[in-house]
N, C-alpha and C. Protein backbone atom coordinates (compact mmCIF):
# COMPACT_ATOMS: atom_id res chain seq x y z
N MET A 1 0.85 -1.17 0.00
CA MET A 1 0.00 0.00 0.00
C MET A 1 0.90 1.24 0.00
N THR A 2 0.58 2.18 -0.83
CA THR A 2 1.40 3.38 -0.88
C THR A 2 1.10 4.28 0.30
N ALA A 3 2.04 5.14 0.62
CA ALA A 3 1.87 6.04 1.77
C ALA A 3 0.71 7.00 1.54
N LYS A 4 0.54 7.46 0.31
CA LYS A 4 -0.55 8.39 0.00
C LYS A 4 -1.91 7.73 0.21
N LYS A 5 -2.03 6.49 -0.27
CA LYS A 5 -3.29 5.75 -0.12
C LYS A 5 -3.54 5.45 1.36
N SER A 6 -2.49 5.11 2.08
CA SER A 6 -2.62 4.80 3.50
C SER A 6 -3.10 6.02 4.28
N LYS A 7 -2.54 7.19 3.98
CA LYS A 7 -2.96 8.42 4.67
C LYS A 7 -4.41 8.74 4.36
N LYS A 8 -4.84 8.50 3.12
CA LYS A 8 -6.23 8.76 2.75
C LYS A 8 -7.16 7.84 3.53
N ILE A 9 -6.79 6.58 3.66
CA ILE A 9 -7.59 5.63 4.43
C ILE A 9 -7.65 6.05 5.89
N GLN A 10 -6.52 6.48 6.44
CA GLN A 10 -6.49 6.91 7.84
C GLN A 10 -7.38 8.12 8.06
N ARG A 11 -7.33 9.09 7.14
CA ARG A 11 -8.19 10.27 7.26
C ARG A 11 -9.65 9.87 7.19
N ASN A 12 -9.99 8.93 6.30
CA ASN A 12 -11.37 8.48 6.19
C ASN A 12 -11.83 7.80 7.47
N ILE A 13 -10.97 6.99 8.06
CA ILE A 13 -11.32 6.30 9.31
C ILE A 13 -11.56 7.30 10.43
N LEU A 14 -10.64 8.26 10.57
CA LEU A 14 -10.78 9.25 11.64
C LEU A 14 -12.01 10.13 11.43
N SER A 15 -12.29 10.52 10.20
CA SER A 15 -13.48 11.35 9.96
C SER A 15 -14.76 10.56 10.20
N THR A 16 -14.75 9.28 9.87
CA THR A 16 -15.91 8.44 10.13
C THR A 16 -16.16 8.31 11.62
N ILE A 17 -15.09 8.11 12.38
CA ILE A 17 -15.24 8.01 13.84
C ILE A 17 -15.79 9.31 14.40
N LEU A 18 -15.29 10.44 13.92
CA LEU A 18 -15.77 11.73 14.39
C LEU A 18 -17.24 11.93 14.02
N ASP A 19 -17.61 11.58 12.80
CA ASP A 19 -19.01 11.70 12.37
C ASP A 19 -19.92 10.83 13.21
N LEU A 20 -19.49 9.61 13.47
CA LEU A 20 -20.29 8.71 14.30
C LEU A 20 -20.48 9.28 15.70
N SER A 21 -19.41 9.83 16.25
CA SER A 21 -19.50 10.36 17.61
C SER A 21 -20.42 11.57 17.67
N LEU A 22 -20.42 12.39 16.63
CA LEU A 22 -21.27 13.58 16.64
C LEU A 22 -22.73 13.23 16.34
N ASN A 23 -22.94 12.29 15.45
CA ASN A 23 -24.31 11.96 15.05
C ASN A 23 -25.04 11.09 16.06
N SER A 24 -24.37 10.12 16.63
CA SER A 24 -25.06 9.20 17.53
C SER A 24 -24.79 9.48 18.99
N LYS A 25 -24.05 10.54 19.27
CA LYS A 25 -23.74 10.95 20.64
C LYS A 25 -23.14 9.80 21.45
N ILE A 26 -22.12 9.21 20.89
CA ILE A 26 -21.41 8.12 21.55
C ILE A 26 -20.72 8.69 22.79
N HIS A 27 -20.68 7.90 23.83
CA HIS A 27 -20.02 8.34 25.06
C HIS A 27 -18.55 8.61 24.80
N LEU A 28 -18.01 9.49 25.58
CA LEU A 28 -16.62 9.91 25.42
C LEU A 28 -15.66 8.73 25.55
N LYS A 29 -15.96 7.82 26.47
CA LYS A 29 -15.09 6.66 26.67
C LYS A 29 -15.03 5.81 25.40
N GLU A 30 -16.17 5.58 24.79
CA GLU A 30 -16.20 4.78 23.57
C GLU A 30 -15.49 5.50 22.42
N LEU A 31 -15.63 6.82 22.37
CA LEU A 31 -14.93 7.60 21.34
C LEU A 31 -13.42 7.45 21.49
N PHE A 32 -12.92 7.56 22.73
CA PHE A 32 -11.49 7.40 22.95
C PHE A 32 -11.02 5.99 22.60
N LEU A 33 -11.83 4.99 22.93
CA LEU A 33 -11.46 3.62 22.59
C LEU A 33 -11.36 3.45 21.07
N ARG A 34 -12.31 4.00 20.36
CA ARG A 34 -12.26 3.90 18.89
C ARG A 34 -11.07 4.66 18.34
N PHE A 35 -10.81 5.85 18.90
CA PHE A 35 -9.70 6.66 18.43
C PHE A 35 -8.38 5.95 18.66
N TYR A 36 -8.18 5.41 19.86
CA TYR A 36 -6.91 4.73 20.15
C TYR A 36 -6.76 3.44 19.36
N SER A 37 -7.84 2.73 19.14
CA SER A 37 -7.73 1.52 18.32
C SER A 37 -7.36 1.89 16.88
N THR A 38 -7.87 3.02 16.41
CA THR A 38 -7.49 3.50 15.08
C THR A 38 -6.02 3.89 15.04
N LEU A 39 -5.55 4.56 16.08
CA LEU A 39 -4.13 4.92 16.15
C LEU A 39 -3.25 3.68 16.15
N ILE A 40 -3.66 2.66 16.90
CA ILE A 40 -2.90 1.41 16.92
C ILE A 40 -2.85 0.81 15.52
N PHE A 41 -3.99 0.83 14.82
CA PHE A 41 -4.04 0.31 13.45
C PHE A 41 -3.09 1.09 12.54
N ILE A 42 -3.09 2.42 12.69
CA ILE A 42 -2.23 3.27 11.85
C ILE A 42 -0.76 2.96 12.11
N PHE A 43 -0.38 2.90 13.40
CA PHE A 43 1.02 2.62 13.71
C PHE A 43 1.42 1.22 13.26
N TYR A 44 0.51 0.26 13.39
CA TYR A 44 0.78 -1.10 12.92
C TYR A 44 0.99 -1.11 11.41
N ASP A 45 0.16 -0.34 10.70
CA ASP A 45 0.29 -0.24 9.25
C ASP A 45 1.65 0.33 8.86
N TYR A 46 2.06 1.42 9.53
CA TYR A 46 3.37 2.01 9.25
C TYR A 46 4.50 1.06 9.63
N PHE A 47 4.35 0.35 10.74
CA PHE A 47 5.37 -0.61 11.15
C PHE A 47 5.56 -1.68 10.08
N LEU A 48 4.46 -2.23 9.60
CA LEU A 48 4.55 -3.25 8.56
C LEU A 48 5.17 -2.69 7.29
N TYR A 49 4.80 -1.46 6.92
CA TYR A 49 5.35 -0.84 5.72
C TYR A 49 6.86 -0.67 5.84
N PHE A 50 7.34 -0.11 6.95
CA PHE A 50 8.78 0.12 7.10
C PHE A 50 9.54 -1.19 7.28
N PHE A 51 8.93 -2.17 7.95
CA PHE A 51 9.57 -3.47 8.09
C PHE A 51 9.73 -4.13 6.73
N TYR A 52 8.69 -4.04 5.90
CA TYR A 52 8.74 -4.59 4.55
C TYR A 52 9.82 -3.90 3.73
N LYS A 53 9.89 -2.58 3.82
CA LYS A 53 10.92 -1.83 3.08
C LYS A 53 12.32 -2.18 3.58
N PHE A 54 12.47 -2.37 4.89
CA PHE A 54 13.76 -2.75 5.45
C PHE A 54 14.20 -4.11 4.95
N ILE A 55 13.28 -5.07 4.92
CA ILE A 55 13.59 -6.41 4.41
C ILE A 55 13.96 -6.33 2.93
N GLN A 56 13.23 -5.51 2.16
CA GLN A 56 13.55 -5.33 0.74
C GLN A 56 14.94 -4.75 0.58
N PHE A 57 15.27 -3.74 1.37
CA PHE A 57 16.58 -3.09 1.30
C PHE A 57 17.68 -4.08 1.66
N ALA A 58 17.45 -4.87 2.72
CA ALA A 58 18.46 -5.83 3.16
C ALA A 58 18.67 -6.92 2.11
N SER A 59 17.59 -7.36 1.48
CA SER A 59 17.75 -8.41 0.46
C SER A 59 18.45 -7.87 -0.78
N LYS A 60 18.17 -6.62 -1.16
CA LYS A 60 18.87 -6.02 -2.30
C LYS A 60 20.35 -5.84 -1.99
N LYS A 61 20.63 -5.45 -0.76
CA LYS A 61 22.02 -5.26 -0.35
C LYS A 61 22.77 -6.60 -0.35
N ALA A 62 22.08 -7.66 0.08
CA ALA A 62 22.70 -8.99 0.11
C ALA A 62 22.94 -9.51 -1.32
N GLU A 63 22.03 -9.17 -2.24
CA GLU A 63 22.20 -9.61 -3.63
C GLU A 63 23.40 -8.94 -4.28
N LYS A 64 23.68 -7.69 -3.91
CA LYS A 64 24.81 -6.97 -4.49
C LYS A 64 26.14 -7.57 -4.07
N LYS A 65 26.19 -8.16 -2.88
CA LYS A 65 27.43 -8.77 -2.40
C LYS A 65 27.62 -10.07 -3.09
C-alpha cells in the first residue's frame, strides 16, 4: 500500500469516527477507545510498511554482495 493511499484511508477512518460520535452521541469513553484503536491500526500499518521496506533493502544489499 502506498503512503498516499494509506494516509487517505487513515483520514477516512478518523473522519468516520468523528461523524459517528457527533451523530449518535457516543459516550466519550467509547470515542477514545475507537480513536486509540485506530491509532494502533495506523502505527501497525506504518510498522509493517517500514519493516517490509527494510527487508527489501536488506535483500537487495545482500544480492549486491
